[in-house]
C-alpha cells in the first residue's frame, strides 16, 4: 500500500469523497437515483469536508490510510444525506 505522503492527498480526498457520496446515496435513499449522480457525489465531498473538520474536534480519529479517509467521508455523507432526507419530508 502506498503511504499518503507519496500520493496527491487533495486528489485522493476528492476521489474518495465522490465514491463515498455514491455509496452513501445507495445506502440512504429509497429510490434508485437518490438526488442524482452529480449531487450525490457533491454530497460525498461535502461529507468528507464535514467529517474531516468535525471528527477530530469530538475526538474521533481514523487511520490515515485510504480506507480510513473513505470511512470518514462515508460517515459525513450519510449524515448530510440524513439531514437532507429529513428536510425533504
PDB file of N, CA and C in Angstrom:
ATOM      1  N   UNK A   1       0.842  -1.177   0.000  1.00  0.00           N
ATOM      2  CA  UNK A   1       0.000   0.000   0.000  1.00  0.00           C
ATOM      3  C   UNK A   1       0.890   1.245   0.000  1.00  0.00           C
ATOM      4  N   UNK A   2       0.505   2.218  -0.769  1.00  0.00           N
ATOM      5  CA  UNK A   2       1.282   3.444  -0.912  1.00  0.00           C
ATOM      6  C   UNK A   2       0.885   4.414   0.197  1.00  0.00           C
ATOM      7  N   UNK A   3       1.863   4.931   0.962  1.00  0.00           N
ATOM      8  CA  UNK A   3       1.506   5.906   2.006  1.00  0.00           C
ATOM      9  C   UNK A   3       0.979   7.204   1.397  1.00  0.00           C
ATOM     10  N   UNK A   4       0.161   7.904   2.175  1.00  0.00           N
ATOM     11  CA  UNK A   4      -0.452   9.134   1.675  1.00  0.00           C
ATOM     12  C   UNK A   4       0.564  10.227   1.385  1.00  0.00           C
ATOM     13  N   UNK A   5       1.706  10.167   2.031  1.00  0.00           N
ATOM     14  CA  UNK A   5       2.728  11.187   1.771  1.00  0.00           C
ATOM     15  C   UNK A   5       3.219  11.126   0.326  1.00  0.00           C
ATOM     16  N   UNK A   6       3.136   9.943  -0.285  1.00  0.00           N
ATOM     17  CA  UNK A   6       3.589   9.783  -1.659  1.00  0.00           C
ATOM     18  C   UNK A   6       2.480  10.030  -2.672  1.00  0.00           C
ATOM     19  N   UNK A   7       1.247  10.190  -2.210  1.00  0.00           N
ATOM     20  CA  UNK A   7       0.116  10.433  -3.104  1.00  0.00           C
ATOM     21  C   UNK A   7      -0.266  11.903  -3.068  1.00  0.00           C
ATOM     22  N   UNK A   8      -1.057  12.284  -4.029  1.00  0.00           N
ATOM     23  CA  UNK A   8      -1.623  13.623  -4.018  1.00  0.00           C
ATOM     24  C   UNK A   8      -2.828  13.593  -3.084  1.00  0.00           C
ATOM     25  N   UNK A   9      -2.652  14.072  -1.868  1.00  0.00           N
ATOM     26  CA  UNK A   9      -3.694  13.984  -0.850  1.00  0.00           C
ATOM     27  C   UNK A   9      -4.990  14.686  -1.264  1.00  0.00           C
ATOM     28  N   UNK A  10      -4.986  15.896  -1.793  1.00  0.00           N
ATOM     29  CA  UNK A  10      -6.263  16.517  -2.197  1.00  0.00           C
ATOM     30  C   UNK A  10      -6.984  15.751  -3.301  1.00  0.00           C
ATOM     31  N   UNK A  11      -6.242  15.183  -4.222  1.00  0.00           N
ATOM     32  CA  UNK A  11      -6.860  14.405  -5.295  1.00  0.00           C
ATOM     33  C   UNK A  11      -7.503  13.150  -4.707  1.00  0.00           C
ATOM     34  N   UNK A  12      -6.794  12.474  -3.826  1.00  0.00           N
ATOM     35  CA  UNK A  12      -7.334  11.298  -3.155  1.00  0.00           C
ATOM     36  C   UNK A  12      -8.565  11.663  -2.345  1.00  0.00           C
ATOM     37  N   UNK A  13      -8.521  12.797  -1.679  1.00  0.00           N
ATOM     38  CA  UNK A  13      -9.646  13.281  -0.885  1.00  0.00           C
ATOM     39  C   UNK A  13     -10.892  13.453  -1.749  1.00  0.00           C
ATOM     40  N   UNK A  14     -10.750  14.062  -2.899  1.00  0.00           N
ATOM     41  CA  UNK A  14     -11.889  14.286  -3.794  1.00  0.00           C
ATOM     42  C   UNK A  14     -12.401  12.962  -4.352  1.00  0.00           C
ATOM     43  N   UNK A  15     -11.505  12.094  -4.765  1.00  0.00           N
ATOM     44  CA  UNK A  15     -11.923  10.805  -5.328  1.00  0.00           C
ATOM     45  C   UNK A  15     -12.669   9.986  -4.279  1.00  0.00           C
ATOM     46  N   UNK A  16     -12.143   9.925  -3.071  1.00  0.00           N
ATOM     47  CA  UNK A  16     -12.822   9.180  -2.014  1.00  0.00           C
ATOM     48  C   UNK A  16     -14.139   9.840  -1.624  1.00  0.00           C
ATOM     49  N   UNK A  17     -14.196  11.161  -1.656  1.00  0.00           N
ATOM     50  CA  UNK A  17     -15.445  11.863  -1.380  1.00  0.00           C
ATOM     51  C   UNK A  17     -16.507  11.563  -2.421  1.00  0.00           C
ATOM     52  N   UNK A  18     -16.114  11.525  -3.683  1.00  0.00           N
ATOM     53  CA  UNK A  18     -17.051  11.193  -4.757  1.00  0.00           C
ATOM     54  C   UNK A  18     -17.579   9.770  -4.589  1.00  0.00           C
ATOM     55  N   UNK A  19     -16.693   8.853  -4.307  1.00  0.00           N
ATOM     56  CA  UNK A  19     -17.095   7.468  -4.108  1.00  0.00           C
ATOM     57  C   UNK A  19     -17.971   7.318  -2.862  1.00  0.00           C
ATOM     58  N   UNK A  20     -17.627   8.007  -1.797  1.00  0.00           N
ATOM     59  CA  UNK A  20     -18.425   7.945  -0.565  1.00  0.00           C
ATOM     60  C   UNK A  20     -19.822   8.510  -0.781  1.00  0.00           C
ATOM     61  N   UNK A  21     -19.938   9.557  -1.561  1.00  0.00           N
ATOM     62  CA  UNK A  21     -21.252  10.114  -1.869  1.00  0.00           C
ATOM     63  C   UNK A  21     -22.120   9.130  -2.627  1.00  0.00           C
ATOM     64  N   UNK A  22     -21.520   8.436  -3.559  1.00  0.00           N
ATOM     65  CA  UNK A  22     -22.259   7.431  -4.323  1.00  0.00           C
ATOM     66  C   UNK A  22     -22.729   6.294  -3.413  1.00  0.00           C
ATOM     67  N   UNK A  23     -21.827   5.781  -2.587  1.00  0.00           N
ATOM     68  CA  UNK A  23     -22.170   4.677  -1.692  1.00  0.00           C
ATOM     69  C   UNK A  23     -23.202   5.123  -0.656  1.00  0.00           C
ATOM     70  N   UNK A  24     -23.032   6.293  -0.091  1.00  0.00           N
ATOM     71  CA  UNK A  24     -23.981   6.799   0.904  1.00  0.00           C
ATOM     72  C   UNK A  24     -25.369   6.985   0.303  1.00  0.00           C
ATOM     73  N   UNK A  25     -25.442   7.450  -0.931  1.00  0.00           N
ATOM     74  CA  UNK A  25     -26.741   7.622  -1.591  1.00  0.00           C
ATOM     75  C   UNK A  25     -27.418   6.272  -1.792  1.00  0.00           C
ATOM     76  N   UNK A  26     -26.659   5.265  -2.124  1.00  0.00           N
ATOM     77  CA  UNK A  26     -27.225   3.926  -2.284  1.00  0.00           C
ATOM     78  C   UNK A  26     -27.728   3.378  -0.943  1.00  0.00           C
ATOM     79  N   UNK A  27     -27.045   3.711   0.130  1.00  0.00           N
ATOM     80  CA  UNK A  27     -27.449   3.231   1.446  1.00  0.00           C
ATOM     81  C   UNK A  27     -28.623   4.008   2.030  1.00  0.00           C
ATOM     82  N   UNK A  28     -28.716   5.300   1.718  1.00  0.00           N
ATOM     83  CA  UNK A  28     -29.655   6.173   2.425  1.00  0.00           C
ATOM     84  C   UNK A  28     -30.943   6.503   1.678  1.00  0.00           C
ATOM     85  N   UNK A  29     -30.997   6.333   0.386  1.00  0.00           N
ATOM     86  CA  UNK A  29     -32.186   6.755  -0.346  1.00  0.00           C
ATOM     87  C   UNK A  29     -33.000   5.555  -0.767  1.00  0.00           C
ATOM     88  N   UNK A  30     -34.301   5.747  -0.808  1.00  0.00           N
ATOM     89  CA  UNK A  30     -35.209   4.666  -1.166  1.00  0.00           C
ATOM     90  C   UNK A  30     -35.248   4.438  -2.667  1.00  0.00           C
ATOM     91  N   UNK A  31     -35.229   5.528  -3.429  1.00  0.00           N
ATOM     92  CA  UNK A  31     -35.276   5.342  -4.876  1.00  0.00           C
ATOM     93  C   UNK A  31     -33.879   5.035  -5.408  1.00  0.00           C
ATOM     94  N   UNK A  32     -33.815   4.620  -6.617  1.00  0.00           N
ATOM     95  CA  UNK A  32     -32.559   4.143  -7.208  1.00  0.00           C
ATOM     96  C   UNK A  32     -31.538   5.247  -7.424  1.00  0.00           C
ATOM     97  N   UNK A  33     -31.986   6.466  -7.704  1.00  0.00           N
ATOM     98  CA  UNK A  33     -31.060   7.532  -8.087  1.00  0.00           C
ATOM     99  C   UNK A  33     -30.618   8.413  -6.935  1.00  0.00           C
ATOM    100  N   UNK A  34     -31.367   8.487  -5.851  1.00  0.00           N
ATOM    101  CA  UNK A  34     -31.040   9.424  -4.791  1.00  0.00           C
ATOM    102  C   UNK A  34     -31.323  10.832  -5.274  1.00  0.00           C
ATOM    103  N   UNK A  35     -30.362  11.702  -5.184  1.00  0.00           N
ATOM    104  CA  UNK A  35     -30.508  13.081  -5.647  1.00  0.00           C
ATOM    105  C   UNK A  35     -29.954  13.266  -7.050  1.00  0.00           C
ATOM    106  N   UNK A  36     -29.450  12.225  -7.647  1.00  0.00           N
ATOM    107  CA  UNK A  36     -28.791  12.291  -8.945  1.00  0.00           C
ATOM    108  C   UNK A  36     -27.298  12.054  -8.747  1.00  0.00           C
ATOM    109  N   UNK A  37     -26.664  11.557  -9.758  1.00  0.00           N
ATOM    110  CA  UNK A  37     -25.262  11.155  -9.643  1.00  0.00           C
ATOM    111  C   UNK A  37     -24.357  12.310  -9.226  1.00  0.00           C
ATOM    112  N   UNK A  38     -24.472  13.437  -9.882  1.00  0.00           N
ATOM    113  CA  UNK A  38     -23.599  14.580  -9.581  1.00  0.00           C
ATOM    114  C   UNK A  38     -23.870  15.105  -8.172  1.00  0.00           C
ATOM    115  N   UNK A  39     -25.147  15.257  -7.816  1.00  0.00           N
ATOM    116  CA  UNK A  39     -25.487  15.760  -6.473  1.00  0.00           C
ATOM    117  C   UNK A  39     -25.023  14.789  -5.398  1.00  0.00           C
ATOM    118  N   UNK A  40     -25.157  13.495  -5.635  1.00  0.00           N
ATOM    119  CA  UNK A  40     -24.684  12.509  -4.661  1.00  0.00           C
ATOM    120  C   UNK A  40     -23.174  12.624  -4.454  1.00  0.00           C
ATOM    121  N   UNK A  41     -22.457  12.835  -5.523  1.00  0.00           N
ATOM    122  CA  UNK A  41     -21.002  12.960  -5.414  1.00  0.00           C
ATOM    123  C   UNK A  41     -20.601  14.253  -4.710  1.00  0.00           C
ATOM    124  N   UNK A  42     -21.332  15.320  -4.986  1.00  0.00           N
ATOM    125  CA  UNK A  42     -21.063  16.582  -4.283  1.00  0.00           C
ATOM    126  C   UNK A  42     -21.335  16.416  -2.793  1.00  0.00           C
ATOM    127  N   UNK A  43     -22.411  15.711  -2.464  1.00  0.00           N
ATOM    128  CA  UNK A  43     -22.713  15.436  -1.054  1.00  0.00           C
ATOM    129  C   UNK A  43     -21.574  14.644  -0.415  1.00  0.00           C
ATOM    130  N   UNK A  44     -20.990  13.727  -1.156  1.00  0.00           N
ATOM    131  CA  UNK A  44     -19.862  12.958  -0.638  1.00  0.00           C
ATOM    132  C   UNK A  44     -18.656  13.827  -0.332  1.00  0.00           C
ATOM    133  N   UNK A  45     -18.345  14.737  -1.224  1.00  0.00           N
ATOM    134  CA  UNK A  45     -17.209  15.644  -0.988  1.00  0.00           C
ATOM    135  C   UNK A  45     -17.519  16.564   0.191  1.00  0.00           C
ATOM    136  N   UNK A  46     -18.742  17.079   0.260  1.00  0.00           N
ATOM    137  CA  UNK A  46     -19.122  17.918   1.404  1.00  0.00           C
ATOM    138  C   UNK A  46     -19.113  17.112   2.700  1.00  0.00           C
ATOM    139  N   UNK A  47     -19.543  15.864   2.614  1.00  0.00           N
ATOM    140  CA  UNK A  47     -19.493  14.994   3.789  1.00  0.00           C
ATOM    141  C   UNK A  47     -18.076  14.733   4.245  1.00  0.00           C
ATOM    142  N   UNK A  48     -17.176  14.571   3.298  1.00  0.00           N
ATOM    143  CA  UNK A  48     -15.766  14.383   3.643  1.00  0.00           C
ATOM    144  C   UNK A  48     -15.215  15.632   4.322  1.00  0.00           C
ATOM    145  N   UNK A  49     -15.592  16.797   3.830  1.00  0.00           N
ATOM    146  CA  UNK A  49     -15.158  18.040   4.474  1.00  0.00           C
ATOM    147  C   UNK A  49     -15.741  18.166   5.878  1.00  0.00           C
ATOM    148  N   UNK A  50     -17.036  17.877   6.013  1.00  0.00           N
ATOM    149  CA  UNK A  50     -17.691  17.961   7.313  1.00  0.00           C
ATOM    150  C   UNK A  50     -17.051  17.002   8.315  1.00  0.00           C
ATOM    151  N   UNK A  51     -16.906  15.752   7.919  1.00  0.00           N
ATOM    152  CA  UNK A  51     -16.327  14.766   8.825  1.00  0.00           C
ATOM    153  C   UNK A  51     -14.857  15.062   9.115  1.00  0.00           C
ATOM    154  N   UNK A  52     -14.128  15.539   8.112  1.00  0.00           N
ATOM    155  CA  UNK A  52     -12.724  15.886   8.326  1.00  0.00           C
ATOM    156  C   UNK A  52     -12.547  17.026   9.308  1.00  0.00           C
ATOM    157  N   UNK A  53     -13.527  17.911   9.369  1.00  0.00           N
ATOM    158  CA  UNK A  53     -13.469  19.026  10.312  1.00  0.00           C
ATOM    159  C   UNK A  53     -14.015  18.619  11.674  1.00  0.00           C
ATOM    160  N   UNK A  54     -15.141  17.882  11.690  1.00  0.00           N
ATOM    161  CA  UNK A  54     -15.852  17.606  12.929  1.00  0.00           C
ATOM    162  C   UNK A  54     -15.260  16.451  13.737  1.00  0.00           C
ATOM    163  N   UNK A  55     -14.854  15.387  13.088  1.00  0.00           N
ATOM    164  CA  UNK A  55     -14.363  14.208  13.810  1.00  0.00           C
ATOM    165  C   UNK A  55     -13.194  14.500  14.754  1.00  0.00           C
ATOM    166  N   UNK A  56     -12.160  15.203  14.312  1.00  0.00           N
ATOM    167  CA  UNK A  56     -11.071  15.499  15.257  1.00  0.00           C
ATOM    168  C   UNK A  56     -11.512  16.384  16.424  1.00  0.00           C
ATOM    169  N   UNK A  57     -12.490  17.254  16.200  1.00  0.00           N
ATOM    170  CA  UNK A  57     -12.963  18.133  17.272  1.00  0.00           C
ATOM    171  C   UNK A  57     -13.695  17.364  18.368  1.00  0.00           C
ATOM    172  N   UNK A  58     -14.351  16.254  18.007  1.00  0.00           N
ATOM    173  CA  UNK A  58     -15.059  15.474  19.018  1.00  0.00           C
ATOM    174  C   UNK A  58     -14.265  14.248  19.459  1.00  0.00           C
ATOM    175  N   UNK A  59     -13.034  14.132  18.998  1.00  0.00           N
ATOM    176  CA  UNK A  59     -12.134  13.094  19.470  1.00  0.00           C
ATOM    177  C   UNK A  59     -12.178  11.784  18.700  1.00  0.00           C
ATOM    178  N   UNK A  60     -12.773  11.776  17.525  1.00  0.00           N
ATOM    179  CA  UNK A  60     -12.817  10.561  16.709  1.00  0.00           C
ATOM    180  C   UNK A  60     -11.682  10.634  15.698  1.00  0.00           C
ATOM    181  N   UNK A  61     -10.848   9.618  15.693  1.00  0.00           N
ATOM    182  CA  UNK A  61      -9.741   9.587  14.738  1.00  0.00           C
ATOM    183  C   UNK A  61      -9.827   8.328  13.890  1.00  0.00           C
ATOM    184  N   UNK A  62      -9.413   8.450  12.664  1.00  0.00           N
ATOM    185  CA  UNK A  62      -9.365   7.339  11.729  1.00  0.00           C
ATOM    186  C   UNK A  62      -7.929   7.154  11.304  1.00  0.00           C
ATOM    187  N   UNK A  63      -7.632   5.987  10.779  1.00  0.00           N
ATOM    188  CA  UNK A  63      -6.302   5.763  10.249  1.00  0.00           C
ATOM    189  C   UNK A  63      -6.065   6.695   9.054  1.00  0.00           C
ATOM    190  N   UNK A  64      -4.830   7.007   8.796  1.00  0.00           N
ATOM    191  CA  UNK A  64      -4.507   7.933   7.712  1.00  0.00           C
ATOM    192  C   UNK A  64      -4.379   7.218   6.368  1.00  0.00           C
ATOM    193  N   UNK A  65      -4.780   5.956   6.327  1.00  0.00           N
ATOM    194  CA  UNK A  65      -4.770   5.223   5.065  1.00  0.00           C
ATOM    195  C   UNK A  65      -6.030   5.566   4.278  1.00  0.00           C
ATOM    196  N   UNK A  66      -6.094   5.136   3.047  1.00  0.00           N
ATOM    197  CA  UNK A  66      -7.217   5.495   2.182  1.00  0.00           C
ATOM    198  C   UNK A  66      -8.536   4.993   2.731  1.00  0.00           C
ATOM    199  N   UNK A  67      -8.549   3.819   3.357  1.00  0.00           N
ATOM    200  CA  UNK A  67      -9.805   3.276   3.865  1.00  0.00           C
ATOM    201  C   UNK A  67     -10.306   4.046   5.077  1.00  0.00           C
ATOM    202  N   UNK A  68      -9.422   4.626   5.865  1.00  0.00           N
ATOM    203  CA  UNK A  68      -9.846   5.485   6.968  1.00  0.00           C
ATOM    204  C   UNK A  68     -10.462   6.774   6.462  1.00  0.00           C
ATOM    205  N   UNK A  69      -9.855   7.344   5.429  1.00  0.00           N
ATOM    206  CA  UNK A  69     -10.413   8.552   4.818  1.00  0.00           C
ATOM    207  C   UNK A  69     -11.749   8.269   4.145  1.00  0.00           C
ATOM    208  N   UNK A  70     -11.870   7.097   3.526  1.00  0.00           N
ATOM    209  CA  UNK A  70     -13.132   6.728   2.896  1.00  0.00           C
ATOM    210  C   UNK A  70     -14.226   6.559   3.950  1.00  0.00           C
ATOM    211  N   UNK A  71     -13.918   5.886   5.040  1.00  0.00           N
ATOM    212  CA  UNK A  71     -14.902   5.697   6.110  1.00  0.00           C
ATOM    213  C   UNK A  71     -15.333   7.036   6.692  1.00  0.00           C
ATOM    214  N   UNK A  72     -14.405   7.923   6.874  1.00  0.00           N
ATOM    215  CA  UNK A  72     -14.714   9.261   7.378  1.00  0.00           C
ATOM    216  C   UNK A  72     -15.617  10.011   6.397  1.00  0.00           C
ATOM    217  N   UNK A  73     -15.310   9.963   5.131  1.00  0.00           N
ATOM    218  CA  UNK A  73     -16.131  10.629   4.115  1.00  0.00           C
ATOM    219  C   UNK A  73     -17.512   9.988   4.033  1.00  0.00           C
ATOM    220  N   UNK A  74     -17.582   8.683   4.155  1.00  0.00           N
ATOM    221  CA  UNK A  74     -18.862   7.980   4.110  1.00  0.00           C
ATOM    222  C   UNK A  74     -19.750   8.384   5.275  1.00  0.00           C
ATOM    223  N   UNK A  75     -19.187   8.469   6.455  1.00  0.00           N
ATOM    224  CA  UNK A  75     -19.959   8.891   7.626  1.00  0.00           C
ATOM    225  C   UNK A  75     -20.469  10.313   7.436  1.00  0.00           C
ATOM    226  N   UNK A  76     -19.622  11.199   6.961  1.00  0.00           N
ATOM    227  CA  UNK A  76     -20.052  12.576   6.719  1.00  0.00           C
ATOM    228  C   UNK A  76     -21.136  12.671   5.669  1.00  0.00           C
ATOM    229  N   UNK A  77     -21.013  11.892   4.597  1.00  0.00           N
ATOM    230  CA  UNK A  77     -22.025  11.902   3.540  1.00  0.00           C
ATOM    231  C   UNK A  77     -23.352  11.337   4.043  1.00  0.00           C
ATOM    232  N   UNK A  78     -23.304  10.305   4.863  1.00  0.00           N
ATOM    233  CA  UNK A  78     -24.527   9.733   5.424  1.00  0.00           C
ATOM    234  C   UNK A  78     -25.220  10.745   6.322  1.00  0.00           C
ATOM    235  N   UNK A  79     -24.455  11.475   7.119  1.00  0.00           N
ATOM    236  CA  UNK A  79     -25.048  12.499   7.989  1.00  0.00           C
ATOM    237  C   UNK A  79     -25.727  13.581   7.146  1.00  0.00           C
ATOM    238  N   UNK A  80     -25.049  14.056   6.117  1.00  0.00           N
ATOM    239  CA  UNK A  80     -25.638  15.097   5.262  1.00  0.00           C
ATOM    240  C   UNK A  80     -26.883  14.572   4.549  1.00  0.00           C
ATOM    241  N   UNK A  81     -26.827  13.349   4.024  1.00  0.00           N
ATOM    242  CA  UNK A  81     -27.999  12.783   3.360  1.00  0.00           C
ATOM    243  C   UNK A  81     -29.154  12.571   4.331  1.00  0.00           C
ATOM    244  N   UNK A  82     -28.862  12.189   5.563  1.00  0.00           N
ATOM    245  CA  UNK A  82     -29.917  12.017   6.559  1.00  0.00           C
ATOM    246  C   UNK A  82     -30.608  13.360   6.833  1.00  0.00           C
ATOM    247  N   UNK A  83     -29.839  14.412   6.937  1.00  0.00           N
ATOM    248  CA  UNK A  83     -30.419  15.746   7.160  1.00  0.00           C
ATOM    249  C   UNK A  83     -31.234  16.174   5.938  1.00  0.00           C
ATOM    250  N   UNK A  84     -30.703  15.961   4.747  1.00  0.00           N
ATOM    251  CA  UNK A  84     -31.433  16.342   3.524  1.00  0.00           C
ATOM    252  C   UNK A  84     -32.726  15.538   3.371  1.00  0.00           C
ATOM    253  N   UNK A  85     -32.671  14.241   3.678  1.00  0.00           N
ATOM    254  CA  UNK A  85     -33.886  13.423   3.597  1.00  0.00           C
ATOM    255  C   UNK A  85     -34.919  13.884   4.626  1.00  0.00           C
ATOM    256  N   UNK A  86     -34.463  14.269   5.797  1.00  0.00           N
ATOM    257  CA  UNK A  86     -35.371  14.774   6.828  1.00  0.00           C
ATOM    258  C   UNK A  86     -36.017  16.090   6.383  1.00  0.00           C
ATOM    259  N   UNK A  87     -35.238  16.962   5.771  1.00  0.00           N
ATOM    260  CA  UNK A  87     -35.759  18.258   5.326  1.00  0.00           C
ATOM    261  C   UNK A  87     -36.698  18.120   4.129  1.00  0.00           C
ATOM    262  N   UNK A  88     -36.547  17.094   3.325  1.00  0.00           N
ATOM    263  CA  UNK A  88     -37.419  16.886   2.159  1.00  0.00           C
ATOM    264  C   UNK A  88     -38.829  16.474   2.566  1.00  0.00           C
ATOM    265  N   UNK A  89     -38.973  15.892   3.751  1.00  0.00           N
ATOM    266  CA  UNK A  89     -40.283  15.406   4.188  1.00  0.00           C
ATOM    267  C   UNK A  89     -41.140  16.493   4.757  1.00  0.00           C
TER     268      UNK A  89
END
